[in-house]
PDB file of N, CA and C in Angstrom:
ATOM      1  N   MET A   1      18.258 184.414 -92.208  1.00  0.00           N
ATOM      2  CA  MET A   1      19.028 185.615 -92.457  1.00  0.00           C
ATOM      3  C   MET A   1      18.412 186.427 -93.590  1.00  0.00           C
ATOM      4  N   LYS A   2      17.813 185.741 -94.576  1.00  0.00           N
ATOM      5  CA  LYS A   2      17.194 186.437 -95.702  1.00  0.00           C
ATOM      6  C   LYS A   2      16.070 187.346 -95.219  1.00  0.00           C
ATOM      7  N   HIS A   3      15.227 186.854 -94.287  1.00  0.00           N
ATOM      8  CA  HIS A   3      14.127 187.662 -93.776  1.00  0.00           C
ATOM      9  C   HIS A   3      14.650 188.862 -92.989  1.00  0.00           C
ATOM     10  N   LEU A   4      15.729 188.664 -92.273  1.00  0.00           N
ATOM     11  CA  LEU A   4      16.328 189.744 -91.506  1.00  0.00           C
ATOM     12  C   LEU A   4      16.834 190.833 -92.443  1.00  0.00           C
ATOM     13  N   ARG A   5      17.467 190.430 -93.548  1.00  0.00           N
ATOM     14  CA  ARG A   5      17.981 191.383 -94.521  1.00  0.00           C
ATOM     15  C   ARG A   5      16.834 192.166 -95.154  1.00  0.00           C
ATOM     16  N   ILE A   6      15.757 191.492 -95.506  1.00  0.00           N
ATOM     17  CA  ILE A   6      14.604 192.154 -96.118  1.00  0.00           C
ATOM     18  C   ILE A   6      14.023 193.178 -95.153  1.00  0.00           C
ATOM     19  N   ALA A   7      13.863 192.799 -93.895  1.00  0.00           N
ATOM     20  CA  ALA A   7      13.313 193.722 -92.905  1.00  0.00           C
ATOM     21  C   ALA A   7      14.239 194.919 -92.720  1.00  0.00           C
ATOM     22  N   ALA A   8      15.539 194.676 -92.725  1.00  0.00           N
ATOM     23  CA  ALA A   8      16.486 195.768 -92.526  1.00  0.00           C
ATOM     24  C   ALA A   8      16.467 196.736 -93.702  1.00  0.00           C
ATOM     25  N   LEU A   9      16.326 196.211 -94.902  1.00  0.00           N
ATOM     26  CA  LEU A   9      16.312 197.070 -96.076  1.00  0.00           C
ATOM     27  C   LEU A   9      14.974 197.765 -96.250  1.00  0.00           C
ATOM     28  N   ALA A  10      13.896 197.152 -95.767  1.00  0.00           N
ATOM     29  CA  ALA A  10      12.565 197.736 -95.921  1.00  0.00           C
ATOM     30  C   ALA A  10      12.414 198.997 -95.090  1.00  0.00           C
ATOM     31  N   GLY A  11      13.066 199.058 -93.985  1.00  0.00           N
ATOM     32  CA  GLY A  11      12.958 200.259 -93.149  1.00  0.00           C
ATOM     33  C   GLY A  11      13.639 200.048 -91.825  1.00  0.00           C
ATOM     34  N   ILE A  12      14.146 201.122 -91.282  1.00  0.00           N
ATOM     35  CA  ILE A  12      14.853 201.035 -90.017  1.00  0.00           C
ATOM     36  C   ILE A  12      14.236 202.040 -89.065  1.00  0.00           C
ATOM     37  N   SER A  13      13.912 201.619 -87.890  1.00  0.00           N
ATOM     38  CA  SER A  13      13.440 202.548 -86.867  1.00  0.00           C
ATOM     39  C   SER A  13      14.602 202.848 -85.945  1.00  0.00           C
ATOM     40  N   ILE A  14      14.865 204.095 -85.747  1.00  0.00           N
ATOM     41  CA  ILE A  14      15.938 204.507 -84.857  1.00  0.00           C
ATOM     42  C   ILE A  14      15.314 204.781 -83.489  1.00  0.00           C
ATOM     43  N   LEU A  15      15.819 204.122 -82.476  1.00  0.00           N
ATOM     44  CA  LEU A  15      15.311 204.329 -81.130  1.00  0.00           C
ATOM     45  C   LEU A  15      16.207 205.317 -80.410  1.00  0.00           C
ATOM     46  N   ALA A  16      15.612 206.303 -79.802  1.00  0.00           N
ATOM     47  CA  ALA A  16      16.387 207.311 -79.091  1.00  0.00           C
ATOM     48  C   ALA A  16      15.833 207.471 -77.681  1.00  0.00           C
ATOM     49  N   LEU A  17      16.653 207.980 -76.822  1.00  0.00           N
ATOM     50  CA  LEU A  17      16.231 208.175 -75.438  1.00  0.00           C
ATOM     51  C   LEU A  17      15.976 209.636 -75.110  1.00  0.00           C
ATOM     52  N   GLY A  18      15.731 210.449 -76.066  1.00  0.00           N
ATOM     53  CA  GLY A  18      15.416 211.806 -75.697  1.00  0.00           C
ATOM     54  C   GLY A  18      15.821 212.845 -76.699  1.00  0.00           C
ATOM     55  N   HIS A  19      17.032 213.341 -76.656  1.00  0.00           N
ATOM     56  CA  HIS A  19      17.273 214.519 -77.461  1.00  0.00           C
ATOM     57  C   HIS A  19      17.825 214.196 -78.834  1.00  0.00           C
ATOM     58  N   ALA A  20      17.704 215.182 -79.731  1.00  0.00           N
ATOM     59  CA  ALA A  20      17.964 214.989 -81.155  1.00  0.00           C
ATOM     60  C   ALA A  20      19.397 214.609 -81.463  1.00  0.00           C
ATOM     61  N   ALA A  21      20.361 215.009 -80.652  1.00  0.00           N
ATOM     62  CA  ALA A  21      21.750 214.670 -80.938  1.00  0.00           C
ATOM     63  C   ALA A  21      21.955 213.166 -80.939  1.00  0.00           C
ATOM     64  N   PHE A  22      21.181 212.452 -80.129  1.00  0.00           N
ATOM     65  CA  PHE A  22      21.302 210.997 -80.077  1.00  0.00           C
ATOM     66  C   PHE A  22      20.918 210.356 -81.404  1.00  0.00           C
ATOM     67  N   ALA A  23      20.064 211.031 -82.174  1.00  0.00           N
ATOM     68  CA  ALA A  23      19.589 210.482 -83.443  1.00  0.00           C
ATOM     69  C   ALA A  23      20.727 210.297 -84.434  1.00  0.00           C
ATOM     70  N   GLN A  24      21.867 210.942 -84.212  1.00  0.00           N
ATOM     71  CA  GLN A  24      23.005 210.793 -85.110  1.00  0.00           C
ATOM     72  C   GLN A  24      23.831 209.552 -84.787  1.00  0.00           C
ATOM     73  N   THR A  25      23.562 208.895 -83.685  1.00  0.00           N
ATOM     74  CA  THR A  25      24.248 207.673 -83.312  1.00  0.00           C
ATOM     75  C   THR A  25      23.339 206.506 -83.657  1.00  0.00           C
ATOM     76  N   TYR A  26      23.696 205.776 -84.696  1.00  0.00           N
ATOM     77  CA  TYR A  26      22.846 204.702 -85.181  1.00  0.00           C
ATOM     78  C   TYR A  26      23.370 203.355 -84.716  1.00  0.00           C
ATOM     79  N   SER A  27      22.464 202.426 -84.561  1.00  0.00           N
ATOM     80  CA  SER A  27      22.853 201.057 -84.243  1.00  0.00           C
ATOM     81  C   SER A  27      22.020 200.128 -85.107  1.00  0.00           C
ATOM     82  N   GLN A  28      22.401 198.884 -85.131  1.00  0.00           N
ATOM     83  CA  GLN A  28      21.688 197.902 -85.935  1.00  0.00           C
ATOM     84  C   GLN A  28      21.758 196.555 -85.235  1.00  0.00           C
ATOM     85  N   ALA A  29      20.963 195.630 -85.706  1.00  0.00           N
ATOM     86  CA  ALA A  29      20.994 194.281 -85.152  1.00  0.00           C
ATOM     87  C   ALA A  29      22.390 193.699 -85.354  1.00  0.00           C
ATOM     88  N   PRO A  30      22.941 193.053 -84.344  1.00  0.00           N
ATOM     89  CA  PRO A  30      24.286 192.477 -84.467  1.00  0.00           C
ATOM     90  C   PRO A  30      24.428 191.534 -85.666  1.00  0.00           C
ATOM     91  N   GLU A  31      23.343 190.889 -86.056  1.00  0.00           N
ATOM     92  CA  GLU A  31      23.395 189.970 -87.200  1.00  0.00           C
ATOM     93  C   GLU A  31      23.724 190.692 -88.505  1.00  0.00           C
ATOM     94  N   LEU A  32      23.512 192.000 -88.553  1.00  0.00           N
ATOM     95  CA  LEU A  32      23.786 192.760 -89.771  1.00  0.00           C
ATOM     96  C   LEU A  32      25.233 193.227 -89.866  1.00  0.00           C
ATOM     97  N   ASP A  33      25.971 193.180 -88.766  1.00  0.00           N
ATOM     98  CA  ASP A  33      27.367 193.635 -88.779  1.00  0.00           C
ATOM     99  C   ASP A  33      28.206 192.899 -89.813  1.00  0.00           C
ATOM    100  N   ALA A  34      28.037 191.602 -89.940  1.00  0.00           N
ATOM    101  CA  ALA A  34      28.818 190.824 -90.911  1.00  0.00           C
ATOM    102  C   ALA A  34      28.480 191.226 -92.341  1.00  0.00           C
ATOM    103  N   LEU A  35      27.214 191.520 -92.605  1.00  0.00           N
ATOM    104  CA  LEU A  35      26.808 191.950 -93.945  1.00  0.00           C
ATOM    105  C   LEU A  35      27.419 193.304 -94.299  1.00  0.00           C
ATOM    106  N   VAL A  36      27.503 194.191 -93.324  1.00  0.00           N
ATOM    107  CA  VAL A  36      28.127 195.494 -93.555  1.00  0.00           C
ATOM    108  C   VAL A  36      29.622 195.308 -93.784  1.00  0.00           C
ATOM    109  N   SER A  37      30.256 194.477 -92.969  1.00  0.00           N
ATOM    110  CA  SER A  37      31.700 194.229 -93.105  1.00  0.00           C
ATOM    111  C   SER A  37      32.050 193.623 -94.457  1.00  0.00           C
ATOM    112  N   SER A  38      31.186 192.754 -94.962  1.00  0.00           N
ATOM    113  CA  SER A  38      31.456 192.088 -96.250  1.00  0.00           C
ATOM    114  C   SER A  38      31.113 192.978 -97.445  1.00  0.00           C
ATOM    115  N   GLY A  39      30.442 194.088 -97.197  1.00  0.00           N
ATOM    116  CA  GLY A  39      30.054 194.974 -98.288  1.00  0.00           C
ATOM    117  C   GLY A  39      28.724 194.620 -98.923  1.00  0.00           C
ATOM    118  N   ASP A  40      28.026 193.602 -98.396  1.00  0.00           N
ATOM    119  CA  ASP A  40      26.727 193.197 -98.935  1.00  0.00           C
ATOM    120  C   ASP A  40      25.596 194.122 -98.500  1.00  0.00           C
ATOM    121  N   LEU A  41      25.861 194.940 -97.488  1.00  0.00           N
ATOM    122  CA  LEU A  41      24.847 195.852 -96.959  1.00  0.00           C
ATOM    123  C   LEU A  41      25.539 197.170 -96.612  1.00  0.00           C
ATOM    124  N   PRO A  42      24.980 198.303 -97.041  1.00  0.00           N
ATOM    125  CA  PRO A  42      25.599 199.587 -96.679  1.00  0.00           C
ATOM    126  C   PRO A  42      25.560 199.805 -95.167  1.00  0.00           C
ATOM    127  N   ALA A  43      26.421 200.668 -94.686  1.00  0.00           N
ATOM    128  CA  ALA A  43      26.436 201.015 -93.261  1.00  0.00           C
ATOM    129  C   ALA A  43      25.085 201.607 -92.880  1.00  0.00           C
ATOM    130  N   VAL A  44      24.707 201.443 -91.636  1.00  0.00           N
ATOM    131  CA  VAL A  44      23.392 201.889 -91.181  1.00  0.00           C
ATOM    132  C   VAL A  44      23.185 203.380 -91.427  1.00  0.00           C
ATOM    133  N   ALA A  45      24.213 204.192 -91.285  1.00  0.00           N
ATOM    134  CA  ALA A  45      24.078 205.632 -91.519  1.00  0.00           C
ATOM    135  C   ALA A  45      23.726 205.938 -92.973  1.00  0.00           C
ATOM    136  N   GLU A  46      24.104 205.039 -93.892  1.00  0.00           N
ATOM    137  CA  GLU A  46      23.776 205.219 -95.306  1.00  0.00           C
ATOM    138  C   GLU A  46      22.377 204.688 -95.623  1.00  0.00           C
ATOM    139  N   ARG A  47      21.825 203.838 -94.762  1.00  0.00           N
ATOM    140  CA  ARG A  47      20.516 203.237 -95.028  1.00  0.00           C
ATOM    141  C   ARG A  47      19.362 204.080 -94.514  1.00  0.00           C
ATOM    142  N   VAL A  48      19.616 204.965 -93.574  1.00  0.00           N
ATOM    143  CA  VAL A  48      18.543 205.809 -93.061  1.00  0.00           C
ATOM    144  C   VAL A  48      18.515 207.111 -93.842  1.00  0.00           C
ATOM    145  N   GLY A  49      17.394 207.769 -93.858  1.00  0.00           N
ATOM    146  CA  GLY A  49      17.279 209.038 -94.554  1.00  0.00           C
ATOM    147  C   GLY A  49      17.945 210.170 -93.789  1.00  0.00           C
ATOM    148  N   ALA A  50      17.912 211.347 -94.386  1.00  0.00           N
ATOM    149  CA  ALA A  50      18.515 212.522 -93.757  1.00  0.00           C
ATOM    150  C   ALA A  50      17.735 212.970 -92.530  1.00  0.00           C
ATOM    151  N   GLU A  51      16.445 212.627 -92.471  1.00  0.00           N
ATOM    152  CA  GLU A  51      15.589 213.040 -91.353  1.00  0.00           C
ATOM    153  C   GLU A  51      14.853 211.827 -90.783  1.00  0.00           C
ATOM    154  N   PRO A  52      15.564 210.887 -90.163  1.00  0.00           N
ATOM    155  CA  PRO A  52      14.870 209.693 -89.666  1.00  0.00           C
ATOM    156  C   PRO A  52      13.881 210.038 -88.558  1.00  0.00           C
ATOM    157  N   ARG A  53      12.794 209.306 -88.505  1.00  0.00           N
ATOM    158  CA  ARG A  53      11.845 209.492 -87.410  1.00  0.00           C
ATOM    159  C   ARG A  53      12.458 208.874 -86.157  1.00  0.00           C
ATOM    160  N   VAL A  54      12.499 209.625 -85.099  1.00  0.00           N
ATOM    161  CA  VAL A  54      13.048 209.139 -83.834  1.00  0.00           C
ATOM    162  C   VAL A  54      11.882 208.677 -82.978  1.00  0.00           C
ATOM    163  N   ILE A  55      11.916 207.434 -82.577  1.00  0.00           N
ATOM    164  CA  ILE A  55      10.851 206.857 -81.778  1.00  0.00           C
ATOM    165  C   ILE A  55      11.351 206.717 -80.341  1.00  0.00           C
ATOM    166  N   VAL A  56      10.698 207.403 -79.458  1.00  0.00           N
ATOM    167  CA  VAL A  56      11.050 207.305 -78.042  1.00  0.00           C
ATOM    168  C   VAL A  56      10.215 206.169 -77.457  1.00  0.00           C
ATOM    169  N   PRO A  57      10.856 205.127 -76.948  1.00  0.00           N
ATOM    170  CA  PRO A  57      10.098 203.991 -76.430  1.00  0.00           C
ATOM    171  C   PRO A  57       9.231 204.381 -75.240  1.00  0.00           C
ATOM    172  N   VAL A  58       8.055 203.781 -75.159  1.00  0.00           N
ATOM    173  CA  VAL A  58       7.131 204.078 -74.070  1.00  0.00           C
ATOM    174  C   VAL A  58       7.675 203.535 -72.752  1.00  0.00           C
ATOM    175  N   GLY A  59       8.163 202.307 -72.770  1.00  0.00           N
ATOM    176  CA  GLY A  59       8.646 201.691 -71.538  1.00  0.00           C
ATOM    177  C   GLY A  59      10.149 201.586 -71.472  1.00  0.00           C
ATOM    178  N   GLU A  60      10.710 200.879 -72.413  1.00  0.00           N
ATOM    179  CA  GLU A  60      12.146 200.647 -72.404  1.00  0.00           C
ATOM    180  C   GLU A  60      12.606 200.290 -73.817  1.00  0.00           C
ATOM    181  N   VAL A  61      13.885 200.438 -74.059  1.00  0.00           N
ATOM    182  CA  VAL A  61      14.449 200.024 -75.338  1.00  0.00           C
ATOM    183  C   VAL A  61      14.538 198.508 -75.325  1.00  0.00           C
ATOM    184  N   GLY A  62      14.076 197.889 -76.387  1.00  0.00           N
ATOM    185  CA  GLY A  62      14.108 196.429 -76.467  1.00  0.00           C
ATOM    186  C   GLY A  62      15.511 195.905 -76.700  1.00  0.00           C
ATOM    187  N   ARG A  63      15.625 194.608 -76.827  1.00  0.00           N
ATOM    188  CA  ARG A  63      16.928 194.001 -77.106  1.00  0.00           C
ATOM    189  C   ARG A  63      16.803 193.148 -78.360  1.00  0.00           C
ATOM    190  N   TYR A  64      17.906 192.967 -79.045  1.00  0.00           N
ATOM    191  CA  TYR A  64      17.924 192.169 -80.258  1.00  0.00           C
ATOM    192  C   TYR A  64      17.858 190.686 -79.900  1.00  0.00           C
ATOM    193  N   GLY A  65      17.290 189.927 -80.807  1.00  0.00           N
ATOM    194  CA  GLY A  65      17.248 188.486 -80.621  1.00  0.00           C
ATOM    195  C   GLY A  65      15.914 188.022 -80.093  1.00  0.00           C
ATOM    196  N   GLY A  66      15.822 186.752 -79.839  1.00  0.00           N
ATOM    197  CA  GLY A  66      14.585 186.188 -79.328  1.00  0.00           C
ATOM    198  C   GLY A  66      13.777 185.539 -80.434  1.00  0.00           C
ATOM    199  N   THR A  67      12.548 185.231 -80.128  1.00  0.00           N
ATOM    200  CA  THR A  67      11.665 184.557 -81.063  1.00  0.00           C
ATOM    201  C   THR A  67      10.487 185.462 -81.369  1.00  0.00           C
ATOM    202  N   PHE A  68      10.249 185.690 -82.645  1.00  0.00           N
ATOM    203  CA  PHE A  68       9.115 186.498 -83.065  1.00  0.00           C
ATOM    204  C   PHE A  68       7.864 185.640 -82.975  1.00  0.00           C
ATOM    205  N   ARG A  69       6.896 186.097 -82.213  1.00  0.00           N
ATOM    206  CA  ARG A  69       5.642 185.369 -82.072  1.00  0.00           C
ATOM    207  C   ARG A  69       4.514 186.262 -82.571  1.00  0.00           C
ATOM    208  N   GLY A  70       4.290 186.188 -83.862  1.00  0.00           N
ATOM    209  CA  GLY A  70       3.248 186.988 -84.481  1.00  0.00           C
ATOM    210  C   GLY A  70       2.406 186.100 -85.369  1.00  0.00           C
ATOM    211  N   GLY A  71       1.352 186.653 -85.880  1.00  0.00           N
ATOM    212  CA  GLY A  71       0.499 185.902 -86.780  1.00  0.00           C
ATOM    213  C   GLY A  71       1.148 185.749 -88.143  1.00  0.00           C
ATOM    214  N   ASN A  72       0.501 185.046 -89.013  1.00  0.00           N
ATOM    215  CA  ASN A  72       1.049 184.866 -90.348  1.00  0.00           C
ATOM    216  C   ASN A  72       0.092 185.395 -91.413  1.00  0.00           C
ATOM    217  N   ASP A  73      -0.870 186.193 -91.004  1.00  0.00           N
ATOM    218  CA  ASP A  73      -1.781 186.744 -91.994  1.00  0.00           C
ATOM    219  C   ASP A  73      -1.232 188.055 -92.552  1.00  0.00           C
ATOM    220  N   ARG A  74      -1.841 188.546 -93.588  1.00  0.00           N
ATOM    221  CA  ARG A  74      -1.372 189.733 -94.288  1.00  0.00           C
ATOM    222  C   ARG A  74      -1.307 190.955 -93.365  1.00  0.00           C
ATOM    223  N   ASN A  75      -2.321 191.189 -92.569  1.00  0.00           N
ATOM    224  CA  ASN A  75      -2.327 192.350 -91.685  1.00  0.00           C
ATOM    225  C   ASN A  75      -1.213 192.285 -90.644  1.00  0.00           C
ATOM    226  N   MET A  76      -0.949 191.116 -90.112  1.00  0.00           N
ATOM    227  CA  MET A  76       0.112 190.970 -89.129  1.00  0.00           C
ATOM    228  C   MET A  76       1.477 191.220 -89.787  1.00  0.00           C
ATOM    229  N   LEU A  77       1.649 190.787 -91.029  1.00  0.00           N
ATOM    230  CA  LEU A  77       2.915 191.038 -91.722  1.00  0.00           C
ATOM    231  C   LEU A  77       3.130 192.539 -91.912  1.00  0.00           C
ATOM    232  N   PHE A  78       2.090 193.270 -92.311  1.00  0.00           N
ATOM    233  CA  PHE A  78       2.210 194.719 -92.451  1.00  0.00           C
ATOM    234  C   PHE A  78       2.532 195.360 -91.108  1.00  0.00           C
ATOM    235  N   THR A  79       1.874 194.917 -90.068  1.00  0.00           N
ATOM    236  CA  THR A  79       2.070 195.502 -88.750  1.00  0.00           C
ATOM    237  C   THR A  79       3.510 195.370 -88.279  1.00  0.00           C
ATOM    238  N   HIS A  80       4.127 194.219 -88.515  1.00  0.00           N
ATOM    239  CA  HIS A  80       5.449 193.955 -87.954  1.00  0.00           C
ATOM    240  C   HIS A  80       6.599 194.097 -88.928  1.00  0.00           C
ATOM    241  N   LEU A  81       6.348 194.027 -90.229  1.00  0.00           N
ATOM    242  CA  LEU A  81       7.480 193.943 -91.141  1.00  0.00           C
ATOM    243  C   LEU A  81       7.540 194.983 -92.241  1.00  0.00           C
ATOM    244  N   GLY A  82       6.665 195.935 -92.303  1.00  0.00           N
ATOM    245  CA  GLY A  82       6.902 196.822 -93.409  1.00  0.00           C
ATOM    246  C   GLY A  82       5.944 197.950 -93.670  1.00  0.00           C
ATOM    247  N   HIS A  83       4.751 197.911 -93.172  1.00  0.00           N
ATOM    248  CA  HIS A  83       3.817 198.977 -93.489  1.00  0.00           C
ATOM    249  C   HIS A  83       4.108 200.194 -92.627  1.00  0.00           C
ATOM    250  N   GLU A  84       4.365 201.313 -93.266  1.00  0.00           N
ATOM    251  CA  GLU A  84       4.566 202.573 -92.549  1.00  0.00           C
ATOM    252  C   GLU A  84       3.655 203.620 -93.173  1.00  0.00           C
ATOM    253  N   PRO A  85       2.730 204.172 -92.420  1.00  0.00           N
ATOM    254  CA  PRO A  85       1.822 205.178 -92.959  1.00  0.00           C
ATOM    255  C   PRO A  85       2.490 206.554 -93.080  1.00  0.00           C
ATOM    256  N   LEU A  86       1.877 207.444 -93.838  1.00  0.00           N
ATOM    257  CA  LEU A  86       2.396 208.806 -93.979  1.00  0.00           C
ATOM    258  C   LEU A  86       2.417 209.530 -92.641  1.00  0.00           C
ATOM    259  N   ILE A  87       1.360 209.392 -91.861  1.00  0.00           N
ATOM    260  CA  ILE A  87       1.261 209.989 -90.534  1.00  0.00           C
ATOM    261  C   ILE A  87       0.834 208.905 -89.562  1.00  0.00           C
ATOM    262  N   ALA A  88       1.002 209.146 -88.282  1.00  0.00           N
ATOM    263  CA  ALA A  88       0.689 208.121 -87.288  1.00  0.00           C
ATOM    264  C   ALA A  88       0.089 208.780 -86.048  1.00  0.00           C
ATOM    265  N   TRP A  89      -0.428 207.959 -85.149  1.00  0.00           N
ATOM    266  CA  TRP A  89      -0.913 208.463 -83.864  1.00  0.00           C
ATOM    267  C   TRP A  89       0.275 208.619 -82.934  1.00  0.00           C
ATOM    268  N   ASP A  90       0.160 209.522 -81.991  1.00  0.00           N
ATOM    269  CA  ASP A  90       1.215 209.693 -81.001  1.00  0.00           C
ATOM    270  C   ASP A  90       1.316 208.442 -80.130  1.00  0.00           C
ATOM    271  N   ALA A  91       2.465 208.263 -79.477  1.00  0.00           N
ATOM    272  CA  ALA A  91       2.716 207.054 -78.690  1.00  0.00           C
ATOM    273  C   ALA A  91       1.769 206.907 -77.504  1.00  0.00           C
ATOM    274  N   ASP A  92       1.280 208.015 -76.976  1.00  0.00           N
ATOM    275  CA  ASP A  92       0.388 207.954 -75.823  1.00  0.00           C
ATOM    276  C   ASP A  92      -1.076 207.789 -76.206  1.00  0.00           C
ATOM    277  N   TRP A  93      -1.357 207.786 -77.495  1.00  0.00           N
ATOM    278  CA  TRP A  93      -2.712 207.606 -78.011  1.00  0.00           C
ATOM    279  C   TRP A  93      -3.684 208.646 -77.439  1.00  0.00           C
ATOM    280  N   ILE A  94      -3.212 209.904 -77.348  1.00  0.00           N
ATOM    281  CA  ILE A  94      -4.105 210.960 -76.864  1.00  0.00           C
ATOM    282  C   ILE A  94      -4.810 211.676 -78.011  1.00  0.00           C
ATOM    283  N   GLY A  95      -4.608 211.180 -79.224  1.00  0.00           N
ATOM    284  CA  GLY A  95      -5.309 211.726 -80.374  1.00  0.00           C
ATOM    285  C   GLY A  95      -4.497 212.667 -81.229  1.00  0.00           C
ATOM    286  N   GLU A  96      -3.232 212.852 -80.913  1.00  0.00           N
ATOM    287  CA  GLU A  96      -2.395 213.729 -81.721  1.00  0.00           C
ATOM    288  C   GLU A  96      -1.849 212.955 -82.921  1.00  0.00           C
ATOM    289  N   VAL A  97      -1.961 213.558 -84.101  1.00  0.00           N
ATOM    290  CA  VAL A  97      -1.395 212.966 -85.310  1.00  0.00           C
ATOM    291  C   VAL A  97       0.027 213.492 -85.448  1.00  0.00           C
ATOM    292  N   VAL A  98       0.979 212.585 -85.642  1.00  0.00           N
ATOM    293  CA  VAL A  98       2.387 212.975 -85.743  1.00  0.00           C
ATOM    294  C   VAL A  98       2.950 212.555 -87.097  1.00  0.00           C
ATOM    295  N   PRO A  99       3.992 213.224 -87.568  1.00  0.00           N
ATOM    296  CA  PRO A  99       4.620 212.836 -88.829  1.00  0.00           C
ATOM    297  C   PRO A  99       5.198 211.428 -88.741  1.00  0.00           C
ATOM    298  N   ASN A 100       5.261 210.755 -89.845  1.00  0.00           N
ATOM    299  CA  ASN A 100       5.909 209.450 -89.922  1.00  0.00           C
ATOM    300  C   ASN A 100       6.763 209.449 -91.182  1.00  0.00           C
ATOM    301  N   ILE A 101       6.276 208.936 -92.293  1.00  0.00           N
ATOM    302  CA  ILE A 101       7.003 209.068 -93.551  1.00  0.00           C
ATOM    303  C   ILE A 101       6.909 210.514 -94.025  1.00  0.00           C
ATOM    304  N   ALA A 102       5.767 211.124 -93.816  1.00  0.00           N
ATOM    305  CA  ALA A 102       5.606 212.536 -94.153  1.00  0.00           C
ATOM    306  C   ALA A 102       6.224 213.389 -93.052  1.00  0.00           C
ATOM    307  N   ALA A 103       6.969 214.419 -93.441  1.00  0.00           N
ATOM    308  CA  ALA A 103       7.536 215.346 -92.461  1.00  0.00           C
ATOM    309  C   ALA A 103       6.453 216.276 -91.935  1.00  0.00           C
ATOM    310  N   CYS A 104       5.510 216.609 -92.807  1.00  0.00           N
ATOM    311  CA  CYS A 104       4.407 217.477 -92.402  1.00  0.00           C
ATOM    312  C   CYS A 104       3.295 217.363 -93.443  1.00  0.00           C
ATOM    313  N   TYR A 105       2.157 217.938 -93.104  1.00  0.00           N
ATOM    314  CA  TYR A 105       1.050 217.960 -94.049  1.00  0.00           C
ATOM    315  C   TYR A 105       0.193 219.181 -93.807  1.00  0.00           C
ATOM    316  N   THR A 106      -0.543 219.568 -94.830  1.00  0.00           N
ATOM    317  CA  THR A 106      -1.491 220.664 -94.711  1.00  0.00           C
ATOM    318  C   THR A 106      -2.808 220.209 -95.326  1.00  0.00           C
ATOM    319  N   ALA A 107      -3.880 220.806 -94.863  1.00  0.00           N
ATOM    320  CA  ALA A 107      -5.205 220.500 -95.388  1.00  0.00           C
ATOM    321  C   ALA A 107      -5.832 221.778 -95.903  1.00  0.00           C
ATOM    322  N   SER A 108      -6.613 221.656 -96.959  1.00  0.00           N
ATOM    323  CA  SER A 108      -7.325 222.816 -97.481  1.00  0.00           C
ATOM    324  C   SER A 108      -8.398 223.228 -96.481  1.00  0.00           C
ATOM    325  N   ALA A 109      -8.931 224.425 -96.648  1.00  0.00           N
ATOM    326  CA  ALA A 109      -9.942 224.951 -95.727  1.00  0.00           C
ATOM    327  C   ALA A 109     -11.160 224.042 -95.633  1.00  0.00           C
ATOM    328  N   ASP A 110     -11.512 223.375 -96.740  1.00  0.00           N
ATOM    329  CA  ASP A 110     -12.679 222.498 -96.736  1.00  0.00           C
ATOM    330  C   ASP A 110     -12.319 221.041 -96.421  1.00  0.00           C
ATOM    331  N   SER A 111     -11.052 220.793 -96.111  1.00  0.00           N
ATOM    332  CA  SER A 111     -10.543 219.450 -95.773  1.00  0.00           C
ATOM    333  C   SER A 111     -10.769 218.423 -96.879  1.00  0.00           C
ATOM    334  N   LYS A 112     -10.788 218.888 -98.113  1.00  0.00           N
ATOM    335  CA  LYS A 112     -10.933 217.961 -99.241  1.00  0.00           C
ATOM    336  C   LYS A 112      -9.590 217.649 -99.887  1.00  0.00           C
ATOM    337  N   ASP A 113      -8.632 218.539 -99.734  1.00  0.00           N
ATOM    338  CA  ASP A 113      -7.312 218.341-100.326  1.00  0.00           C
ATOM    339  C   ASP A 113      -6.256 218.371 -99.243  1.00  0.00           C
ATOM    340  N   PHE A 114      -5.391 217.369 -99.267  1.00  0.00           N
ATOM    341  CA  PHE A 114      -4.284 217.288 -98.319  1.00  0.00           C
ATOM    342  C   PHE A 114      -2.981 217.275 -99.105  1.00  0.00           C
ATOM    343  N   THR A 115      -1.986 217.983 -98.606  1.00  0.00           N
ATOM    344  CA  THR A 115      -0.668 217.988 -99.216  1.00  0.00           C
ATOM    345  C   THR A 115       0.316 217.442 -98.194  1.00  0.00           C
ATOM    346  N   PHE A 116       1.021 216.381 -98.578  1.00  0.00           N
ATOM    347  CA  PHE A 116       1.998 215.741 -97.706  1.00  0.00           C
ATOM    348  C   PHE A 116       3.406 216.050 -98.220  1.00  0.00           C
ATOM    349  N   THR A 117       4.284 216.448 -97.324  1.00  0.00           N
ATOM    350  CA  THR A 117       5.682 216.655 -97.657  1.00  0.00           C
ATOM    351  C   THR A 117       6.457 215.502 -97.042  1.00  0.00           C
ATOM    352  N   LEU A 118       7.110 214.697 -97.879  1.00  0.00           N
ATOM    353  CA  LEU A 118       7.829 213.533 -97.382  1.00  0.00           C
ATOM    354  C   LEU A 118       9.186 213.926 -96.798  1.00  0.00           C
ATOM    355  N   ARG A 119       9.615 213.143 -95.817  1.00  0.00           N
ATOM    356  CA  ARG A 119      10.938 213.365 -95.237  1.00  0.00           C
ATOM    357  C   ARG A 119      11.984 213.007 -96.279  1.00  0.00           C
ATOM    358  N   GLU A 120      13.102 213.712 -96.280  1.00  0.00           N
ATOM    359  CA  GLU A 120      14.168 213.407 -97.228  1.00  0.00           C
ATOM    360  C   GLU A 120      14.720 212.012 -96.959  1.00  0.00           C
ATOM    361  N   GLY A 121      14.910 211.270 -98.007  1.00  0.00           N
ATOM    362  CA  GLY A 121      15.464 209.923 -97.888  1.00  0.00           C
ATOM    363  C   GLY A 121      14.394 208.872 -97.782  1.00  0.00           C
TER     364      GLY A 121
END
């Protein structure tokens, strides 16, 4: 349960099926419901920022539970439990850079200086 709490507090990905109105309906792992009820964890709406990144699943929305089968090295831990870059590649890997932690960015004419604007929250 401790690892689950750490992962939940480190960051939450909101899964949506399409339009932005759905982003206002948040859900969480059922294991976290008891922590919210006891007051040990804020409600999910309080844990996400004002502008959460909405991730549209490529195939289907996953389900909670099961067994995590990942590596135990440092890179695998970042991949699955906490590393979030400022910008990311699009889900289709067609080469488009999309916002992630940063809401947007600009580059100077000579591409030597970049300015990142972070999402609120």
